[in-house]
Amino acid sequence: MDQLLTVQEAADVLHTSVRFVRRLISQRRIEFVKIGRHVRIRESALVAFVGAGTVAPLSSDDITGRAA
C-alpha cells in the first residue's frame, strides 16, 4: 500500500508550493484521496503525475529530419 502524503508533503516532494498542489487537486489533474475533510495524495499518484509530464529528449535524427 502506498504512503498517503499531505498536501505539504506532496509539495515538498515535487519541490513546488502548496498552492500549486492545491491547484492540481482543484483542477483534478492529480489523483487524490479524501478522508473526511482531509486531502491526501498517494506516492504512486505523484509518480504517475511526473511520468505523464515527462518529455523525452530529441535524438540527433529528430533534429536533422533523417528517418531512423
PDB file of N, CA and C in Angstrom:
ATOM      1  N   MET A   1       0.845  -1.190   0.000  1.00  0.00           N
ATOM      2  CA  MET A   1       0.000   0.000   0.000  1.00  0.00           C
ATOM      3  C   MET A   1       0.882   1.242   0.000  1.00  0.00           C
ATOM      4  N   ASP A   2       0.511   2.197  -0.833  1.00  0.00           N
ATOM      5  CA  ASP A   2       1.254   3.457  -0.910  1.00  0.00           C
ATOM      6  C   ASP A   2       1.112   4.266   0.364  1.00  0.00           C
ATOM      7  N   GLN A   3       2.119   5.064   0.617  1.00  0.00           N
ATOM      8  CA  GLN A   3       2.025   6.012   1.719  1.00  0.00           C
ATOM      9  C   GLN A   3       1.164   7.181   1.253  1.00  0.00           C
ATOM     10  N   LEU A   4       0.302   7.672   2.131  1.00  0.00           N
ATOM     11  CA  LEU A   4      -0.523   8.838   1.831  1.00  0.00           C
ATOM     12  C   LEU A   4       0.200  10.081   2.327  1.00  0.00           C
ATOM     13  N   LEU A   5       0.342  11.048   1.447  1.00  0.00           N
ATOM     14  CA  LEU A   5       1.065  12.282   1.770  1.00  0.00           C
ATOM     15  C   LEU A   5       0.083  13.432   1.958  1.00  0.00           C
ATOM     16  N   THR A   6       0.421  14.340   2.855  1.00  0.00           N
ATOM     17  CA  THR A   6      -0.347  15.571   2.982  1.00  0.00           C
ATOM     18  C   THR A   6      -0.021  16.463   1.792  1.00  0.00           C
ATOM     19  N   VAL A   7      -0.786  17.520   1.642  1.00  0.00           N
ATOM     20  CA  VAL A   7      -0.524  18.473   0.559  1.00  0.00           C
ATOM     21  C   VAL A   7       0.865  19.083   0.730  1.00  0.00           C
ATOM     22  N   GLN A   8       1.230  19.400   1.955  1.00  0.00           N
ATOM     23  CA  GLN A   8       2.554  19.969   2.217  1.00  0.00           C
ATOM     24  C   GLN A   8       3.657  18.981   1.846  1.00  0.00           C
ATOM     25  N   GLU A   9       3.497  17.713   2.216  1.00  0.00           N
ATOM     26  CA  GLU A   9       4.499  16.698   1.889  1.00  0.00           C
ATOM     27  C   GLU A   9       4.607  16.491   0.380  1.00  0.00           C
ATOM     28  N   ALA A  10       3.480  16.501  -0.313  1.00  0.00           N
ATOM     29  CA  ALA A  10       3.486  16.365  -1.773  1.00  0.00           C
ATOM     30  C   ALA A  10       4.211  17.546  -2.410  1.00  0.00           C
ATOM     31  N   ALA A  11       3.966  18.743  -1.900  1.00  0.00           N
ATOM     32  CA  ALA A  11       4.651  19.932  -2.415  1.00  0.00           C
ATOM     33  C   ALA A  11       6.157  19.826  -2.183  1.00  0.00           C
ATOM     34  N   ASP A  12       6.546  19.301  -1.034  1.00  0.00           N
ATOM     35  CA  ASP A  12       7.975  19.121  -0.740  1.00  0.00           C
ATOM     36  C   ASP A  12       8.610  18.120  -1.703  1.00  0.00           C
ATOM     37  N   VAL A  13       7.914  17.031  -1.986  1.00  0.00           N
ATOM     38  CA  VAL A  13       8.437  16.023  -2.910  1.00  0.00           C
ATOM     39  C   VAL A  13       8.602  16.607  -4.308  1.00  0.00           C
ATOM     40  N   LEU A  14       7.620  17.395  -4.751  1.00  0.00           N
ATOM     41  CA  LEU A  14       7.659  17.992  -6.092  1.00  0.00           C
ATOM     42  C   LEU A  14       8.510  19.254  -6.154  1.00  0.00           C
ATOM     43  N   HIS A  15       8.956  19.735  -4.997  1.00  0.00           N
ATOM     44  CA  HIS A  15       9.710  20.997  -4.905  1.00  0.00           C
ATOM     45  C   HIS A  15       8.895  22.154  -5.493  1.00  0.00           C
ATOM     46  N   THR A  16       7.630  22.205  -5.094  1.00  0.00           N
ATOM     47  CA  THR A  16       6.734  23.270  -5.537  1.00  0.00           C
ATOM     48  C   THR A  16       6.052  23.866  -4.314  1.00  0.00           C
ATOM     49  N   SER A  17       5.176  24.812  -4.565  1.00  0.00           N
ATOM     50  CA  SER A  17       4.422  25.412  -3.472  1.00  0.00           C
ATOM     51  C   SER A  17       3.189  24.573  -3.152  1.00  0.00           C
ATOM     52  N   VAL A  18       2.671  24.765  -1.956  1.00  0.00           N
ATOM     53  CA  VAL A  18       1.423  24.115  -1.552  1.00  0.00           C
ATOM     54  C   VAL A  18       0.295  24.587  -2.470  1.00  0.00           C
ATOM     55  N   ARG A  19       0.336  25.846  -2.832  1.00  0.00           N
ATOM     56  CA  ARG A  19      -0.701  26.401  -3.706  1.00  0.00           C
ATOM     57  C   ARG A  19      -0.772  25.653  -5.042  1.00  0.00           C
ATOM     58  N   PHE A  20       0.386  25.298  -5.610  1.00  0.00           N
ATOM     59  CA  PHE A  20       0.420  24.562  -6.868  1.00  0.00           C
ATOM     60  C   PHE A  20      -0.256  23.203  -6.715  1.00  0.00           C
ATOM     61  N   VAL A  21       0.063  22.488  -5.635  1.00  0.00           N
ATOM     62  CA  VAL A  21      -0.533  21.172  -5.404  1.00  0.00           C
ATOM     63  C   VAL A  21      -2.038  21.309  -5.203  1.00  0.00           C
ATOM     64  N   ARG A  22      -2.470  22.310  -4.456  1.00  0.00           N
ATOM     65  CA  ARG A  22      -3.908  22.530  -4.265  1.00  0.00           C
ATOM     66  C   ARG A  22      -4.604  22.839  -5.594  1.00  0.00           C
ATOM     67  N   ARG A  23      -3.923  23.561  -6.484  1.00  0.00           N
ATOM     68  CA  ARG A  23      -4.480  23.841  -7.807  1.00  0.00           C
ATOM     69  C   ARG A  23      -4.612  22.552  -8.627  1.00  0.00           C
ATOM     70  N   LEU A  24      -3.606  21.684  -8.549  1.00  0.00           N
ATOM     71  CA  LEU A  24      -3.688  20.389  -9.229  1.00  0.00           C
ATOM     72  C   LEU A  24      -4.899  19.600  -8.732  1.00  0.00           C
ATOM     73  N   ILE A  25      -5.128  19.641  -7.442  1.00  0.00           N
ATOM     74  CA  ILE A  25      -6.258  18.931  -6.849  1.00  0.00           C
ATOM     75  C   ILE A  25      -7.573  19.543  -7.312  1.00  0.00           C
ATOM     76  N   SER A  26      -7.687  20.856  -7.241  1.00  0.00           N
ATOM     77  CA  SER A  26      -8.954  21.512  -7.608  1.00  0.00           C
ATOM     78  C   SER A  26      -9.265  21.350  -9.092  1.00  0.00           C
ATOM     79  N   GLN A  27      -8.240  21.255  -9.924  1.00  0.00           N
ATOM     80  CA  GLN A  27      -8.440  21.052 -11.358  1.00  0.00           C
ATOM     81  C   GLN A  27      -8.521  19.573 -11.721  1.00  0.00           C
ATOM     82  N   ARG A  28      -8.434  18.710 -10.712  1.00  0.00           N
ATOM     83  CA  ARG A  28      -8.491  17.251 -10.896  1.00  0.00           C
ATOM     84  C   ARG A  28      -7.417  16.753 -11.860  1.00  0.00           C
ATOM     85  N   ARG A  29      -6.232  17.353 -11.788  1.00  0.00           N
ATOM     86  CA  ARG A  29      -5.112  16.940 -12.637  1.00  0.00           C
ATOM     87  C   ARG A  29      -4.239  15.900 -11.961  1.00  0.00           C
ATOM     88  N   ILE A  30      -4.510  15.633 -10.672  1.00  0.00           N
ATOM     89  CA  ILE A  30      -3.773  14.620  -9.933  1.00  0.00           C
ATOM     90  C   ILE A  30      -4.775  13.843  -9.083  1.00  0.00           C
ATOM     91  N   GLU A  31      -4.524  12.550  -8.968  1.00  0.00           N
ATOM     92  CA  GLU A  31      -5.408  11.703  -8.167  1.00  0.00           C
ATOM     93  C   GLU A  31      -5.202  12.013  -6.687  1.00  0.00           C
ATOM     94  N   PHE A  32      -6.293  12.069  -5.940  1.00  0.00           N
ATOM     95  CA  PHE A  32      -6.190  12.324  -4.505  1.00  0.00           C
ATOM     96  C   PHE A  32      -7.245  11.525  -3.764  1.00  0.00           C
ATOM     97  N   VAL A  33      -7.075  11.452  -2.451  1.00  0.00           N
ATOM     98  CA  VAL A  33      -7.991  10.716  -1.583  1.00  0.00           C
ATOM     99  C   VAL A  33      -8.541  11.690  -0.555  1.00  0.00           C
ATOM    100  N   LYS A  34      -9.861  11.654  -0.351  1.00  0.00           N
ATOM    101  CA  LYS A  34     -10.466  12.468   0.705  1.00  0.00           C
ATOM    102  C   LYS A  34     -10.757  11.561   1.881  1.00  0.00           C
ATOM    103  N   ILE A  35     -10.259  11.944   3.029  1.00  0.00           N
ATOM    104  CA  ILE A  35     -10.523  11.238   4.279  1.00  0.00           C
ATOM    105  C   ILE A  35     -11.185  12.255   5.195  1.00  0.00           C
ATOM    106  N   GLY A  36     -12.504  12.205   5.208  1.00  0.00           N
ATOM    107  CA  GLY A  36     -13.235  13.241   5.923  1.00  0.00           C
ATOM    108  C   GLY A  36     -13.005  14.566   5.225  1.00  0.00           C
ATOM    109  N   ARG A  37     -12.503  15.536   5.962  1.00  0.00           N
ATOM    110  CA  ARG A  37     -12.202  16.838   5.350  1.00  0.00           C
ATOM    111  C   ARG A  37     -10.741  16.964   4.931  1.00  0.00           C
ATOM    112  N   HIS A  38      -9.986  15.906   5.155  1.00  0.00           N
ATOM    113  CA  HIS A  38      -8.562  15.912   4.823  1.00  0.00           C
ATOM    114  C   HIS A  38      -8.328  15.376   3.417  1.00  0.00           C
ATOM    115  N   VAL A  39      -7.339  15.948   2.744  1.00  0.00           N
ATOM    116  CA  VAL A  39      -6.958  15.504   1.400  1.00  0.00           C
ATOM    117  C   VAL A  39      -5.571  14.886   1.490  1.00  0.00           C
ATOM    118  N   ARG A  40      -5.426  13.708   0.902  1.00  0.00           N
ATOM    119  CA  ARG A  40      -4.137  13.028   0.870  1.00  0.00           C
ATOM    120  C   ARG A  40      -3.843  12.599  -0.557  1.00  0.00           C
ATOM    121  N   ILE A  41      -2.563  12.494  -0.866  1.00  0.00           N
ATOM    122  CA  ILE A  41      -2.127  12.113  -2.204  1.00  0.00           C
ATOM    123  C   ILE A  41      -1.226  10.894  -2.073  1.00  0.00           C
ATOM    124  N   ARG A  42      -1.532   9.857  -2.841  1.00  0.00           N
ATOM    125  CA  ARG A  42      -0.697   8.653  -2.826  1.00  0.00           C
ATOM    126  C   ARG A  42       0.635   8.946  -3.501  1.00  0.00           C
ATOM    127  N   GLU A  43       1.689   8.313  -3.008  1.00  0.00           N
ATOM    128  CA  GLU A  43       3.005   8.461  -3.639  1.00  0.00           C
ATOM    129  C   GLU A  43       2.961   8.021  -5.100  1.00  0.00           C
ATOM    130  N   SER A  44       2.229   6.959  -5.396  1.00  0.00           N
ATOM    131  CA  SER A  44       2.139   6.469  -6.776  1.00  0.00           C
ATOM    132  C   SER A  44       1.442   7.489  -7.676  1.00  0.00           C
ATOM    133  N   ALA A  45       0.521   8.283  -7.115  1.00  0.00           N
ATOM    134  CA  ALA A  45      -0.148   9.320  -7.901  1.00  0.00           C
ATOM    135  C   ALA A  45       0.844  10.425  -8.275  1.00  0.00           C
ATOM    136  N   LEU A  46       1.764  10.734  -7.363  1.00  0.00           N
ATOM    137  CA  LEU A  46       2.808  11.723  -7.680  1.00  0.00           C
ATOM    138  C   LEU A  46       3.731  11.204  -8.779  1.00  0.00           C
ATOM    139  N   VAL A  47       4.111   9.933  -8.677  1.00  0.00           N
ATOM    140  CA  VAL A  47       4.976   9.326  -9.693  1.00  0.00           C
ATOM    141  C   VAL A  47       4.269   9.336 -11.049  1.00  0.00           C
ATOM    142  N   ALA A  48       2.977   9.003 -11.067  1.00  0.00           N
ATOM    143  CA  ALA A  48       2.215   8.989 -12.316  1.00  0.00           C
ATOM    144  C   ALA A  48       2.094  10.394 -12.898  1.00  0.00           C
ATOM    145  N   PHE A  49       1.892  11.399 -12.037  1.00  0.00           N
ATOM    146  CA  PHE A  49       1.776  12.777 -12.497  1.00  0.00           C
ATOM    147  C   PHE A  49       3.082  13.240 -13.145  1.00  0.00           C
ATOM    148  N   VAL A  50       4.195  12.940 -12.494  1.00  0.00           N
ATOM    149  CA  VAL A  50       5.502  13.325 -13.042  1.00  0.00           C
ATOM    150  C   VAL A  50       5.757  12.571 -14.340  1.00  0.00           C
ATOM    151  N   GLY A  51       5.430  11.289 -14.363  1.00  0.00           N
ATOM    152  CA  GLY A  51       5.626  10.481 -15.568  1.00  0.00           C
ATOM    153  C   GLY A  51       4.810  10.988 -16.740  1.00  0.00           C
ATOM    154  N   ALA A  52       3.578  11.425 -16.472  1.00  0.00           N
ATOM    155  CA  ALA A  52       2.716  11.924 -17.537  1.00  0.00           C
ATOM    156  C   ALA A  52       3.249  13.240 -18.119  1.00  0.00           C
ATOM    157  N   GLY A  53       3.995  13.985 -17.323  1.00  0.00           N
ATOM    158  CA  GLY A  53       4.524  15.264 -17.798  1.00  0.00           C
ATOM    159  C   GLY A  53       5.945  15.178 -18.330  1.00  0.00           C
ATOM    160  N   THR A  54       6.512  13.978 -18.329  1.00  0.00           N
ATOM    161  CA  THR A  54       7.890  13.805 -18.775  1.00  0.00           C
ATOM    162  C   THR A  54       7.962  13.848 -20.297  1.00  0.00           C
ATOM    163  N   VAL A  55       8.882  14.640 -20.794  1.00  0.00           N
ATOM    164  CA  VAL A  55       9.079  14.794 -22.238  1.00  0.00           C
ATOM    165  C   VAL A  55      10.409  14.141 -22.601  1.00  0.00           C
ATOM    166  N   ALA A  56      10.378  13.231 -23.550  1.00  0.00           N
ATOM    167  CA  ALA A  56      11.599  12.531 -23.976  1.00  0.00           C
ATOM    168  C   ALA A  56      12.495  13.487 -24.768  1.00  0.00           C
ATOM    169  N   PRO A  57      13.800  13.360 -24.621  1.00  0.00           N
ATOM    170  CA  PRO A  57      14.710  14.235 -25.368  1.00  0.00           C
ATOM    171  C   PRO A  57      14.700  13.885 -26.854  1.00  0.00           C
ATOM    172  N   LEU A  58      15.032  14.863 -27.669  1.00  0.00           N
ATOM    173  CA  LEU A  58      15.143  14.631 -29.115  1.00  0.00           C
ATOM    174  C   LEU A  58      16.454  13.928 -29.423  1.00  0.00           C
ATOM    175  N   SER A  59      16.428  13.091 -30.436  1.00  0.00           N
ATOM    176  CA  SER A  59      17.669  12.470 -30.886  1.00  0.00           C
ATOM    177  C   SER A  59      18.238  13.337 -32.012  1.00  0.00           C
ATOM    178  N   SER A  60      19.444  13.072 -32.414  1.00  0.00           N
ATOM    179  CA  SER A  60      20.059  13.862 -33.487  1.00  0.00           C
ATOM    180  C   SER A  60      19.283  13.655 -34.797  1.00  0.00           C
ATOM    181  N   ASP A  61      18.695  12.466 -35.007  1.00  0.00           N
ATOM    182  CA  ASP A  61      17.891  12.223 -36.199  1.00  0.00           C
ATOM    183  C   ASP A  61      16.616  13.075 -36.193  1.00  0.00           C
ATOM    184  N   ASP A  62      16.051  13.303 -35.029  1.00  0.00           N
ATOM    185  CA  ASP A  62      14.866  14.148 -34.916  1.00  0.00           C
ATOM    186  C   ASP A  62      15.183  15.589 -35.317  1.00  0.00           C
ATOM    187  N   ILE A  63      16.367  16.033 -34.940  1.00  0.00           N
ATOM    188  CA  ILE A  63      16.756  17.413 -35.217  1.00  0.00           C
ATOM    189  C   ILE A  63      17.079  17.601 -36.698  1.00  0.00           C
ATOM    190  N   THR A  64      17.778  16.630 -37.280  1.00  0.00           N
ATOM    191  CA  THR A  64      18.171  16.763 -38.677  1.00  0.00           C
ATOM    192  C   THR A  64      17.074  16.351 -39.650  1.00  0.00           C
ATOM    193  N   GLY A  65      16.062  15.632 -39.152  1.00  0.00           N
ATOM    194  CA  GLY A  65      14.968  15.211 -40.009  1.00  0.00           C
ATOM    195  C   GLY A  65      15.198  13.914 -40.742  1.00  0.00           C
ATOM    196  N   ARG A  66      16.246  13.198 -40.406  1.00  0.00           N
ATOM    197  CA  ARG A  66      16.544  11.917 -41.037  1.00  0.00           C
ATOM    198  C   ARG A  66      15.622  10.836 -40.469  1.00  0.00           C
ATOM    199  N   ALA A  67      15.255   9.897 -41.316  1.00  0.00           N
ATOM    200  CA  ALA A  67      14.431   8.770 -40.872  1.00  0.00           C
ATOM    201  C   ALA A  67      15.324   7.728 -40.219  1.00  0.00           C
ATOM    202  N   ALA A  68      14.784   7.088 -39.199  1.00  0.00           N
ATOM    203  CA  ALA A  68      15.573   6.080 -38.467  1.00  0.00           C
ATOM    204  C   ALA A  68      15.606   4.757 -39.193  1.00  0.00           C
TER     205      ALA A  68
END
